[in-house]
Structures are given as C-alpha cells and as structure tokens.
C-alpha cells in the first residue's frame, strides 16, 4: 500500500502528464470566478451532457462566435 507521501507524488506526476498532453493539443489553462447562478447552470449542463467542465465552457465560448453579430448580449443577472 502506498504511503500518503508516495500517493501525493504519483498524483502530482499524473496531473503533470495530463497538463502536458492538454498543452500538446493546443489547450491553455485558465481560471475564472463564477457566480452561484453560473455554477448551478454549469453543473446542470455537465450532468445533462456527461461532459467535463472544460468541454461545457469551450462549447459555450465557441457558440458565442456563432451568434448573430447584431444580437444584443444579455446582461448578467
């Protein structure tokens, strides 16, 4: 059985490999602060689509580019 210290080391190595693979795919890590309402919507969409947080956010951002140019942006609640 791995000790806690060994487990943390292997977890960090796994995360490092995952981040490297994502960068190789052209992705970049970002951070954001969301309102409670946005978090609820994000979590609902993740459950509905069985997607990751990254996938849901990426789809939402890409849909912004497809929106009609004359559409007025909605004000946050």
PDB file of N, CA and C in Angstrom:
ATOM      1  N   UNK A   1       0.854  -1.185   0.000  1.00  0.00           N
ATOM      2  CA  UNK A   1       0.000   0.000   0.000  1.00  0.00           C
ATOM      3  C   UNK A   1       0.895   1.243   0.000  1.00  0.00           C
ATOM      4  N   UNK A   2       0.589   2.171  -0.857  1.00  0.00           N
ATOM      5  CA  UNK A   2       1.388   3.390  -0.981  1.00  0.00           C
ATOM      6  C   UNK A   2       1.161   4.303   0.221  1.00  0.00           C
ATOM      7  N   UNK A   3       2.214   4.940   0.639  1.00  0.00           N
ATOM      8  CA  UNK A   3       2.089   5.909   1.727  1.00  0.00           C
ATOM      9  C   UNK A   3       1.444   7.175   1.171  1.00  0.00           C
ATOM     10  N   UNK A   4       0.990   8.023   2.053  1.00  0.00           N
ATOM     11  CA  UNK A   4       0.364   9.278   1.641  1.00  0.00           C
ATOM     12  C   UNK A   4       1.346  10.111   0.818  1.00  0.00           C
ATOM     13  N   UNK A   5       2.598  10.145   1.250  1.00  0.00           N
ATOM     14  CA  UNK A   5       3.617  10.915   0.530  1.00  0.00           C
ATOM     15  C   UNK A   5       3.818  10.359  -0.880  1.00  0.00           C
ATOM     16  N   UNK A   6       3.872   9.050  -1.017  1.00  0.00           N
ATOM     17  CA  UNK A   6       4.037   8.424  -2.341  1.00  0.00           C
ATOM     18  C   UNK A   6       2.815   8.691  -3.218  1.00  0.00           C
ATOM     19  N   UNK A   7       1.650   8.614  -2.612  1.00  0.00           N
ATOM     20  CA  UNK A   7       0.403   8.846  -3.351  1.00  0.00           C
ATOM     21  C   UNK A   7       0.351  10.274  -3.891  1.00  0.00           C
ATOM     22  N   UNK A   8       0.725  11.242  -3.040  1.00  0.00           N
ATOM     23  CA  UNK A   8       0.735  12.639  -3.478  1.00  0.00           C
ATOM     24  C   UNK A   8       1.713  12.847  -4.627  1.00  0.00           C
ATOM     25  N   UNK A   9       2.880  12.196  -4.540  1.00  0.00           N
ATOM     26  CA  UNK A   9       3.892  12.324  -5.592  1.00  0.00           C
ATOM     27  C   UNK A   9       3.362  11.745  -6.906  1.00  0.00           C
ATOM     28  N   UNK A  10       2.740  10.573  -6.844  1.00  0.00           N
ATOM     29  CA  UNK A  10       2.227   9.970  -8.075  1.00  0.00           C
ATOM     30  C   UNK A  10       1.050  10.777  -8.632  1.00  0.00           C
ATOM     31  N   UNK A  11       0.223  11.338  -7.750  1.00  0.00           N
ATOM     32  CA  UNK A  11      -0.879  12.191  -8.210  1.00  0.00           C
ATOM     33  C   UNK A  11      -0.338  13.423  -8.933  1.00  0.00           C
ATOM     34  N   UNK A  12       0.699  14.040  -8.357  1.00  0.00           N
ATOM     35  CA  UNK A  12       1.287  15.223  -8.991  1.00  0.00           C
ATOM     36  C   UNK A  12       1.884  14.866 -10.351  1.00  0.00           C
ATOM     37  N   UNK A  13       2.534  13.713 -10.444  1.00  0.00           N
ATOM     38  CA  UNK A  13       3.116  13.285 -11.715  1.00  0.00           C
ATOM     39  C   UNK A  13       2.032  13.023 -12.754  1.00  0.00           C
ATOM     40  N   UNK A  14       0.943  12.391 -12.337  1.00  0.00           N
ATOM     41  CA  UNK A  14      -0.176  12.115 -13.242  1.00  0.00           C
ATOM     42  C   UNK A  14      -0.774  13.431 -13.743  1.00  0.00           C
ATOM     43  N   UNK A  15      -0.989  14.373 -12.836  1.00  0.00           N
ATOM     44  CA  UNK A  15      -1.541  15.671 -13.225  1.00  0.00           C
ATOM     45  C   UNK A  15      -0.603  16.407 -14.173  1.00  0.00           C
ATOM     46  N   UNK A  16       0.688  16.330 -13.922  1.00  0.00           N
ATOM     47  CA  UNK A  16       1.675  16.980 -14.783  1.00  0.00           C
ATOM     48  C   UNK A  16       1.618  16.397 -16.195  1.00  0.00           C
ATOM     49  N   UNK A  17       1.528  15.068 -16.295  1.00  0.00           N
ATOM     50  CA  UNK A  17       1.435  14.417 -17.617  1.00  0.00           C
ATOM     51  C   UNK A  17       0.156  14.832 -18.327  1.00  0.00           C
ATOM     52  N   UNK A  18      -0.961  14.913 -17.579  1.00  0.00           N
ATOM     53  CA  UNK A  18      -2.235  15.289 -18.172  1.00  0.00           C
ATOM     54  C   UNK A  18      -2.169  16.723 -18.700  1.00  0.00           C
ATOM     55  N   UNK A  19      -1.605  17.644 -17.906  1.00  0.00           N
ATOM     56  CA  UNK A  19      -1.488  19.042 -18.345  1.00  0.00           C
ATOM     57  C   UNK A  19      -0.604  19.159 -19.585  1.00  0.00           C
ATOM     58  N   UNK A  20       0.461  18.377 -19.630  1.00  0.00           N
ATOM     59  CA  UNK A  20       1.342  18.387 -20.791  1.00  0.00           C
ATOM     60  C   UNK A  20       0.601  17.903 -22.037  1.00  0.00           C
ATOM     61  N   UNK A  21      -0.171  16.838 -21.896  1.00  0.00           N
ATOM     62  CA  UNK A  21      -0.949  16.339 -23.048  1.00  0.00           C
ATOM     63  C   UNK A  21      -1.952  17.388 -23.524  1.00  0.00           C
ATOM     64  N   UNK A  22      -2.577  18.084 -22.593  1.00  0.00           N
ATOM     65  CA  UNK A  22      -3.541  19.113 -22.970  1.00  0.00           C
ATOM     66  C   UNK A  22      -2.853  20.255 -23.710  1.00  0.00           C
ATOM     67  N   UNK A  23      -1.681  20.670 -23.229  1.00  0.00           N
ATOM     68  CA  UNK A  23      -0.928  21.729 -23.916  1.00  0.00           C
ATOM     69  C   UNK A  23      -0.536  21.286 -25.317  1.00  0.00           C
ATOM     70  N   UNK A  24      -0.149  20.020 -25.454  1.00  0.00           N
ATOM     71  CA  UNK A  24       0.216  19.495 -26.772  1.00  0.00           C
ATOM     72  C   UNK A  24      -0.967  19.520 -27.726  1.00  0.00           C
ATOM     73  N   UNK A  25      -2.180  19.485 -27.193  1.00  0.00           N
ATOM     74  CA  UNK A  25      -3.393  19.585 -28.008  1.00  0.00           C
ATOM     75  C   UNK A  25      -3.748  21.039 -28.301  1.00  0.00           C
ATOM     76  N   UNK A  26      -2.918  21.977 -27.819  1.00  0.00           N
ATOM     77  CA  UNK A  26      -3.159  23.397 -28.067  1.00  0.00           C
ATOM     78  C   UNK A  26      -4.045  24.058 -27.031  1.00  0.00           C
ATOM     79  N   UNK A  27      -4.277  23.395 -25.928  1.00  0.00           N
ATOM     80  CA  UNK A  27      -5.134  23.972 -24.895  1.00  0.00           C
ATOM     81  C   UNK A  27      -4.310  24.763 -23.898  1.00  0.00           C
ATOM     82  N   UNK A  28      -4.979  25.684 -23.204  1.00  0.00           N
ATOM     83  CA  UNK A  28      -4.323  26.533 -22.223  1.00  0.00           C
ATOM     84  C   UNK A  28      -5.184  26.577 -20.972  1.00  0.00           C
ATOM     85  N   UNK A  29      -4.541  26.480 -19.828  1.00  0.00           N
ATOM     86  CA  UNK A  29      -5.264  26.521 -18.565  1.00  0.00           C
ATOM     87  C   UNK A  29      -5.652  27.959 -18.242  1.00  0.00           C
ATOM     88  N   UNK A  30      -6.892  28.139 -17.801  1.00  0.00           N
ATOM     89  CA  UNK A  30      -7.370  29.447 -17.364  1.00  0.00           C
ATOM     90  C   UNK A  30      -8.024  29.281 -15.998  1.00  0.00           C
ATOM     91  N   UNK A  31      -8.313  30.397 -15.368  1.00  0.00           N
ATOM     92  CA  UNK A  31      -9.066  30.324 -14.123  1.00  0.00           C
ATOM     93  C   UNK A  31     -10.140  31.391 -14.180  1.00  0.00           C
ATOM     94  N   UNK A  32     -11.258  31.123 -13.535  1.00  0.00           N
ATOM     95  CA  UNK A  32     -12.374  32.062 -13.573  1.00  0.00           C
ATOM     96  C   UNK A  32     -13.149  31.969 -12.264  1.00  0.00           C
ATOM     97  N   UNK A  33     -13.770  33.065 -11.913  1.00  0.00           N
ATOM     98  CA  UNK A  33     -14.662  33.108 -10.761  1.00  0.00           C
ATOM     99  C   UNK A  33     -16.077  33.219 -11.321  1.00  0.00           C
ATOM    100  N   UNK A  34     -16.966  32.329 -10.880  1.00  0.00           N
ATOM    101  CA  UNK A  34     -18.334  32.308 -11.383  1.00  0.00           C
ATOM    102  C   UNK A  34     -19.323  32.618 -10.266  1.00  0.00           C
ATOM    103  N   UNK A  35     -20.413  33.255 -10.649  1.00  0.00           N
ATOM    104  CA  UNK A  35     -21.492  33.479  -9.694  1.00  0.00           C
ATOM    105  C   UNK A  35     -22.137  32.136  -9.350  1.00  0.00           C
ATOM    106  N   UNK A  36     -22.892  32.116  -8.282  1.00  0.00           N
ATOM    107  CA  UNK A  36     -23.591  30.896  -7.887  1.00  0.00           C
ATOM    108  C   UNK A  36     -24.538  30.441  -8.999  1.00  0.00           C
ATOM    109  N   UNK A  37     -25.224  31.382  -9.614  1.00  0.00           N
ATOM    110  CA  UNK A  37     -26.157  31.042 -10.691  1.00  0.00           C
ATOM    111  C   UNK A  37     -25.410  30.375 -11.857  1.00  0.00           C
ATOM    112  N   UNK A  38     -24.262  30.934 -12.223  1.00  0.00           N
ATOM    113  CA  UNK A  38     -23.473  30.352 -13.317  1.00  0.00           C
ATOM    114  C   UNK A  38     -22.957  28.967 -12.943  1.00  0.00           C
ATOM    115  N   UNK A  39     -22.565  28.777 -11.679  1.00  0.00           N
ATOM    116  CA  UNK A  39     -22.093  27.466 -11.228  1.00  0.00           C
ATOM    117  C   UNK A  39     -23.195  26.421 -11.319  1.00  0.00           C
ATOM    118  N   UNK A  40     -24.383  26.800 -10.925  1.00  0.00           N
ATOM    119  CA  UNK A  40     -25.524  25.881 -10.972  1.00  0.00           C
ATOM    120  C   UNK A  40     -25.810  25.477 -12.412  1.00  0.00           C
ATOM    121  N   UNK A  41     -25.799  26.459 -13.306  1.00  0.00           N
ATOM    122  CA  UNK A  41     -26.052  26.178 -14.726  1.00  0.00           C
ATOM    123  C   UNK A  41     -24.954  25.288 -15.289  1.00  0.00           C
ATOM    124  N   UNK A  42     -23.706  25.596 -14.966  1.00  0.00           N
ATOM    125  CA  UNK A  42     -22.575  24.792 -15.434  1.00  0.00           C
ATOM    126  C   UNK A  42     -22.697  23.352 -14.952  1.00  0.00           C
ATOM    127  N   UNK A  43     -22.968  23.159 -13.674  1.00  0.00           N
ATOM    128  CA  UNK A  43     -23.094  21.807 -13.121  1.00  0.00           C
ATOM    129  C   UNK A  43     -24.275  21.051 -13.719  1.00  0.00           C
ATOM    130  N   UNK A  44     -25.379  21.750 -13.957  1.00  0.00           N
ATOM    131  CA  UNK A  44     -26.550  21.118 -14.575  1.00  0.00           C
ATOM    132  C   UNK A  44     -26.203  20.644 -15.985  1.00  0.00           C
ATOM    133  N   UNK A  45     -25.497  21.489 -16.740  1.00  0.00           N
ATOM    134  CA  UNK A  45     -25.113  21.132 -18.109  1.00  0.00           C
ATOM    135  C   UNK A  45     -24.117  19.968 -18.107  1.00  0.00           C
ATOM    136  N   UNK A  46     -23.197  19.949 -17.147  1.00  0.00           N
ATOM    137  CA  UNK A  46     -22.248  18.829 -17.036  1.00  0.00           C
ATOM    138  C   UNK A  46     -22.992  17.521 -16.804  1.00  0.00           C
ATOM    139  N   UNK A  47     -23.966  17.531 -15.894  1.00  0.00           N
ATOM    140  CA  UNK A  47     -24.740  16.307 -15.621  1.00  0.00           C
ATOM    141  C   UNK A  47     -25.575  15.902 -16.826  1.00  0.00           C
ATOM    142  N   UNK A  48     -26.201  16.890 -17.473  1.00  0.00           N
ATOM    143  CA  UNK A  48     -27.082  16.605 -18.607  1.00  0.00           C
ATOM    144  C   UNK A  48     -26.318  15.989 -19.775  1.00  0.00           C
ATOM    145  N   UNK A  49     -25.123  16.482 -20.040  1.00  0.00           N
ATOM    146  CA  UNK A  49     -24.359  16.053 -21.212  1.00  0.00           C
ATOM    147  C   UNK A  49     -23.257  15.047 -20.873  1.00  0.00           C
ATOM    148  N   UNK A  50     -23.066  14.777 -19.588  1.00  0.00           N
ATOM    149  CA  UNK A  50     -21.975  13.886 -19.148  1.00  0.00           C
ATOM    150  C   UNK A  50     -20.634  14.398 -19.686  1.00  0.00           C
ATOM    151  N   UNK A  51     -20.437  15.710 -19.577  1.00  0.00           N
ATOM    152  CA  UNK A  51     -19.233  16.370 -20.083  1.00  0.00           C
ATOM    153  C   UNK A  51     -18.399  16.910 -18.938  1.00  0.00           C
ATOM    154  N   UNK A  52     -17.159  17.267 -19.254  1.00  0.00           N
ATOM    155  CA  UNK A  52     -16.290  17.901 -18.271  1.00  0.00           C
ATOM    156  C   UNK A  52     -16.594  19.397 -18.219  1.00  0.00           C
ATOM    157  N   UNK A  53     -16.090  20.042 -17.179  1.00  0.00           N
ATOM    158  CA  UNK A  53     -16.218  21.495 -17.064  1.00  0.00           C
ATOM    159  C   UNK A  53     -15.605  22.161 -18.291  1.00  0.00           C
ATOM    160  N   UNK A  54     -14.422  21.709 -18.677  1.00  0.00           N
ATOM    161  CA  UNK A  54     -13.738  22.287 -19.840  1.00  0.00           C
ATOM    162  C   UNK A  54     -14.586  22.172 -21.101  1.00  0.00           C
ATOM    163  N   UNK A  55     -15.173  21.002 -21.314  1.00  0.00           N
ATOM    164  CA  UNK A  55     -15.990  20.799 -22.519  1.00  0.00           C
ATOM    165  C   UNK A  55     -17.192  21.734 -22.552  1.00  0.00           C
ATOM    166  N   UNK A  56     -17.864  21.881 -21.418  1.00  0.00           N
ATOM    167  CA  UNK A  56     -19.050  22.752 -21.359  1.00  0.00           C
ATOM    168  C   UNK A  56     -18.662  24.197 -21.623  1.00  0.00           C
ATOM    169  N   UNK A  57     -17.604  24.669 -20.977  1.00  0.00           N
ATOM    170  CA  UNK A  57     -17.176  26.062 -21.159  1.00  0.00           C
ATOM    171  C   UNK A  57     -16.719  26.291 -22.591  1.00  0.00           C
ATOM    172  N   UNK A  58     -15.961  25.359 -23.158  1.00  0.00           N
ATOM    173  CA  UNK A  58     -15.482  25.522 -24.523  1.00  0.00           C
ATOM    174  C   UNK A  58     -16.648  25.604 -25.512  1.00  0.00           C
ATOM    175  N   UNK A  59     -17.655  24.730 -25.336  1.00  0.00           N
ATOM    176  CA  UNK A  59     -18.829  24.790 -26.234  1.00  0.00           C
ATOM    177  C   UNK A  59     -19.533  26.137 -26.111  1.00  0.00           C
ATOM    178  N   UNK A  60     -19.678  26.632 -24.873  1.00  0.00           N
ATOM    179  CA  UNK A  60     -20.365  27.903 -24.662  1.00  0.00           C
ATOM    180  C   UNK A  60     -19.608  29.053 -25.326  1.00  0.00           C
ATOM    181  N   UNK A  61     -18.302  29.083 -25.177  1.00  0.00           N
ATOM    182  CA  UNK A  61     -17.500  30.159 -25.770  1.00  0.00           C
ATOM    183  C   UNK A  61     -17.546  30.080 -27.289  1.00  0.00           C
ATOM    184  N   UNK A  62     -17.429  28.888 -27.843  1.00  0.00           N
ATOM    185  CA  UNK A  62     -17.470  28.745 -29.305  1.00  0.00           C
ATOM    186  C   UNK A  62     -18.838  29.138 -29.866  1.00  0.00           C
ATOM    187  N   UNK A  63     -19.898  28.893 -29.096  1.00  0.00           N
ATOM    188  CA  UNK A  63     -21.232  29.309 -29.539  1.00  0.00           C
ATOM    189  C   UNK A  63     -21.354  30.825 -29.606  1.00  0.00           C
ATOM    190  N   UNK A  64     -20.599  31.528 -28.781  1.00  0.00           N
ATOM    191  CA  UNK A  64     -20.612  32.991 -28.841  1.00  0.00           C
ATOM    192  C   UNK A  64     -20.151  33.485 -30.202  1.00  0.00           C
ATOM    193  N   UNK A  65     -19.172  32.804 -30.791  1.00  0.00           N
ATOM    194  CA  UNK A  65     -18.655  33.191 -32.096  1.00  0.00           C
ATOM    195  C   UNK A  65     -19.675  32.923 -33.201  1.00  0.00           C
ATOM    196  N   UNK A  66     -20.580  31.978 -32.962  1.00  0.00           N
ATOM    197  CA  UNK A  66     -21.587  31.632 -33.954  1.00  0.00           C
ATOM    198  C   UNK A  66     -22.847  32.477 -33.825  1.00  0.00           C
ATOM    199  N   UNK A  67     -22.961  33.229 -32.739  1.00  0.00           N
ATOM    200  CA  UNK A  67     -24.157  34.037 -32.504  1.00  0.00           C
ATOM    201  C   UNK A  67     -24.235  35.141 -33.552  1.00  0.00           C
ATOM    202  N   UNK A  68     -25.447  35.523 -33.939  1.00  0.00           N
ATOM    203  CA  UNK A  68     -25.593  36.626 -34.897  1.00  0.00           C
ATOM    204  C   UNK A  68     -24.884  37.875 -34.386  1.00  0.00           C
ATOM    205  N   UNK A  69     -24.197  38.572 -35.282  1.00  0.00           N
ATOM    206  CA  UNK A  69     -23.408  39.743 -34.888  1.00  0.00           C
ATOM    207  C   UNK A  69     -24.272  40.878 -34.349  1.00  0.00           C
ATOM    208  N   UNK A  70     -25.527  40.974 -34.789  1.00  0.00           N
ATOM    209  CA  UNK A  70     -26.381  42.067 -34.353  1.00  0.00           C
ATOM    210  C   UNK A  70     -27.158  41.716 -33.077  1.00  0.00           C
ATOM    211  N   UNK A  71     -26.953  40.516 -32.548  1.00  0.00           N
ATOM    212  CA  UNK A  71     -27.653  40.117 -31.322  1.00  0.00           C
ATOM    213  C   UNK A  71     -27.066  40.894 -30.144  1.00  0.00           C
ATOM    214  N   UNK A  72     -27.955  41.438 -29.326  1.00  0.00           N
ATOM    215  CA  UNK A  72     -27.515  42.197 -28.157  1.00  0.00           C
ATOM    216  C   UNK A  72     -27.130  41.222 -27.048  1.00  0.00           C
ATOM    217  N   UNK A  73     -25.937  41.382 -26.450  1.00  0.00           N
ATOM    218  CA  UNK A  73     -25.544  40.490 -25.349  1.00  0.00           C
ATOM    219  C   UNK A  73     -26.471  40.644 -24.163  1.00  0.00           C
ATOM    220  N   UNK A  74     -26.728  39.542 -23.470  1.00  0.00           N
ATOM    221  CA  UNK A  74     -27.582  39.588 -22.295  1.00  0.00           C
ATOM    222  C   UNK A  74     -26.789  40.111 -21.120  1.00  0.00           C
ATOM    223  N   UNK A  75     -27.441  40.933 -20.314  1.00  0.00           N
ATOM    224  CA  UNK A  75     -26.814  41.444 -19.100  1.00  0.00           C
ATOM    225  C   UNK A  75     -26.838  40.352 -18.041  1.00  0.00           C
ATOM    226  N   UNK A  76     -25.739  40.204 -17.281  1.00  0.00           N
ATOM    227  CA  UNK A  76     -25.751  39.198 -16.199  1.00  0.00           C
ATOM    228  C   UNK A  76     -26.771  39.566 -15.142  1.00  0.00           C
ATOM    229  N   UNK A  77     -27.368  38.545 -14.550  1.00  0.00           N
ATOM    230  CA  UNK A  77     -28.407  38.774 -13.531  1.00  0.00           C
ATOM    231  C   UNK A  77     -27.792  39.149 -12.205  1.00  0.00           C
TER     232      UNK A  77
END
